[in-house]
Amino acid sequence: MRQTPKQRVSPLAFIVFVMLCGGSFIELTQAELKPTLEIYPMQEVQRKPVGKPLILTCRPTVPEPALVADLQWKDNLNNTILPKPHNYDPLYDSKGNRKNVTGRNQPPMYTETLPGESLALMITSLSVEMGGKYYCTASYANTEILETSVTIKTYVAITWTNAPENQYPILGEDYVVKCEVKADPNPTIDWLRNGDPIRTGDKYVVQTHGLLIRDVQETDDGIYTCRAAVIETGELLERTIRVEVYISPVITHLPTTLEAVEGKPFAANCTATGKPVPEISWIKDAAQQNVATADRFQVNPQTGLLTVNSVSQDDYGTYTCIAKNAAGVVDQKTKLNVLVRPSIYELYNVTGESKKEVAITCRSKGRPAPAITFRRWGTEEEYAPGIQDDDDRIVLETYYNEERGESSGTLRIARSQRSDDGLYQCIARNKGDTAYKTGHITVQFAPDFTHMKELPPVFSWEQRKANLSCLAMGIPNATIEWRWNGRNIKDLYDTNLQIVGTGPRSDLIVHPVTRQYYSAYKCIATNIHGFAEHDMQLKEARVPDFVSAAVPRQLTATTITWDIRGPPTELGLPILAFSVQYKEALNPDWSTALNRSWSPDSPYIVEGLRPQTLYSFRFAARNQVGLGNWGVNQQQSTPRRSAPEEPKPLHSPVQNDKEEPVVVSAYSDHFELRWGVPADNGEPIDSYQIKYCPGNKMAGTWTELENRCHTVDVVETTSYEMTNLNGNTYYRIELKAHNAIGYSSPASIIMKTTRGVDVIQVAERQVLSSAAIVGIAVGGVLLLLFIVDLLCCITVHMGVMATMCRKAKRSPSEIDDEAKLGSGQLVKEPPPSPLPLPPPVKLGGSPMTSPLDEKEPLRTPTGSIKQNSTIEFDGRFVHSRSGEIIGKNSAV
């Protein structure tokens, strides 16, 4: 195939082509660089919001920028806009923050040259009047005028002129949630609540300037959204408004009248409710003063508590309580009454005469006027106004003056008596307090000896001095004189009659050296209201008469218990002791008889007798004068030797069964049996036999488990501890005493152990037995008594040891006195008597002796178990003491 040869281009043709193309390009470039002015932003119409700043830049587009001259801006009125003045104070600092300047040299618009030969139009704040066409002009190469324009159209942006973000409607009222919007063109408004659209209806109405809520309730609380939109500009703006319903304050508690006590603290509450919590203040109306600023007053604005440190009478008046919050103000008035505590300013002691009227008056002041009454000191019962129901002699009269705040009360007692004498308490009361004051009513009366009518006569013997005491009751005190056989003793000048004291107590000391002084003496008391007489008898005292009777009540082989009936006694001269002498009937000598003495209130038991023996007994009574004659001589035989009497268990039943008493043990596994020593009936008790058997009751029948009985014999003890018992189990216990004759009849008790385990554990930890603990305690007490007695003997020469020491040094005359009674030492210091007896003196012996005069002390056979003894009874136990006979009541 034939190939077409390639065409070749010559270099000359290429050069011509390049030149032609280059010329065309130059012409085209020159045509594109035609001188013009351009405004940035480049839109021909600039739509801007009023109030905003604006900058428009005019930039020349020319081939030779150096040829551009006279570049300037003209406003919408075709006026040239001048450049920024040299002394212009800019509105913003270097960091872009607006400065606080007055704008004295701030033109609304000006021009400013920018880099790149551009001229900027500065508008600091765009206004509606600035809308229109603006021109940028310049000259180029002095031959061509350049000009361009831009149109500024203004509009008002959405602005919230009155739309607070927090609004507070009031409960129960209609309220418009404010949302006022400014915009041009006019915006459209709609509402949302908690994100949901709100439609106009009975509850809500959308208005031009807000949202109307009818009859606001607490449920209307919430977040509301006011939404504004401008369709022409497409602007949309939302305003979030928090609505919180406020409640107007209401005062819920304030009494119409308040009462305070003068001088005391006071507090009052004014309580109010509302939302928010109202602030409370107190105003004193008379001075229109907020009391929170006054002395002595404090107000808690949150709680409304008004406190006064110390109330004054000036605080009286009307006060207003004001409760205020953002929803409103409410007030309420109250009256403060100041109570003046009562004070008693007059109460005098008064004196009246028996059987006449006596009155005591009490005066008091306070506000309100106090009520006055009286009462006897030491009692709670008060007298009522008027005549008293239980005593028509007594009348209480009262008087009140409310205006002056004073009152008085008078207690009148007609036909006054001695019993009306005493302290009376006046009581003044009002609402503020109670006042007390005590006065005395003295009822004067003639002397009186009524209190001495029942006193016994005064006794003396063996020329002992006697004291006749005369005490006269009377107001004023009585003067006392003594008469004997119708004559004034003071005029007798008898040395055996001595007067001590002249009233209201007077003592006549009589020394009866002869029998004529044993007679009646007259005491005469006198005061301004009268006189009274009282006869006092001085009698000669004698030893008791014969014992009336002595009858054996209980016989054993070794003891006899007697019932003794004493001789007649005179008032004021009681029997102090009974004594017995006894011997075997075959022995004719009473000087060898044994003696025993008892106090009148003790059991009369003679012990240590021989079985199957006839004894002779004789009895006598003792008073302060001495021992009476022996009498009631009789003989009594003791029975033969026999088994001991039945022992008596020393346990009291604490649980009563229907059939028989039951003793309850404090422990579940052991029980301590204790008993008293019975009479041995002539043979010593050598042992005790104890038998205890468990058992139970079925249908009221006691059944013993014989194969589980335990029998033990104990000697020389009166207690036995039974161990290894079963808990909650009944045991029948039999106790018998044994001597050489045999066993006594059994004493029987029913005992029940407890159920508790804890009690057993406590018992196991016990180190000492009960008997050992009691023994230690008794030993300690005895040791303490011994030490005290020893100290008393050393320091004041008193006590048992001192008595023993004195006994060792007795005089022969004292021993002779003992021989006359066939007994131990006579009483030299009788116990004090309630009668005004003369001081005791040493007895010379009994004025009477038995037909057989004892010239020597009774002798006790050596080695015999029988000896003189004394039986004393202290109300619970009988104490037997060997040795001397004591002629007094030794019961302790």
Foldseek 3Di string as FASTA:
>chain_A
DDDDDDDDDDPVVVVVVVVVVVVVVVVVVVVVQDKAKAKPVRDQEAEEEFFAKDKIKIAIRHPDVVQKADKFKAAQVRHTAAAQDPPDDDQADPVGHGDPDPCPRPDQWHWDQDPNRMIMIIGHGHDQVRFHKMKIWIDGNVPRIYMDIHTYHYWHAKDFPDQDQEDEAEAQAKDFRFTAIDIVVAWDKFKAWPRHTDDDDPAWDQDNGGIIGGRDDQVPFGKMKIWIADPVVRDIDIRIHGYGYKYWKDFDDDDQEAEAEAFAKDKDWTAIDIPPQWFKWKAFVVVRDTCCPPPQWHADRRGRMIMGHGDDQVPFGKMKMWTDDPNGIDIDIHTYHYKYWKDWDDWEAEEEEAQAKDKTKIKIFIVQQWDKWKDAPPDDDIADAAAGPVHRQWHKDKDGDRVRRMIMIMIMGHNDDQVVWHKMKMWTDDPRDIDIDIYTYHYFAWKDDVVVPPAFAAEDAPQFKFKDKAAIDGPPKWFKFKDDPRHTPVVVPDPQWDWDDGTNMIIIIGRCPDPVSQAKMKMWIGDPRGIDIDIHGYHYDAWFEFWPAKDFDDAFQFKTWIDTHGGDDGVQWDWFKKKKWKDFPVDPDSLQTAMEMEGPPDTRMDGGHHGQTKMWMWMWTGTPQGIYETDPIDIDHHHHAAAWAEWAKPFDAPDCDPVGGEREAPAFFKDKIFTDDTGRRRFDFFKKKKKKFWWDDDPNDTDTPVVRMDIDIGGPDGMDMDGRHGGQTKMKMWMWIGGPRGIYHTDIHIYTYHHDPVRHVVVVPDDDDPVVVVVVVVVVVVVVVVVVQVVCCVPVLDHDVSVVVVVVVDDPQQQQQQQQVLFDGEDQAADDGPDRYGHGHGDNHHPDGYPDGGRHHHDHDPPRPDAHWYWADQPPDIDIGGGGDYRGHPHD
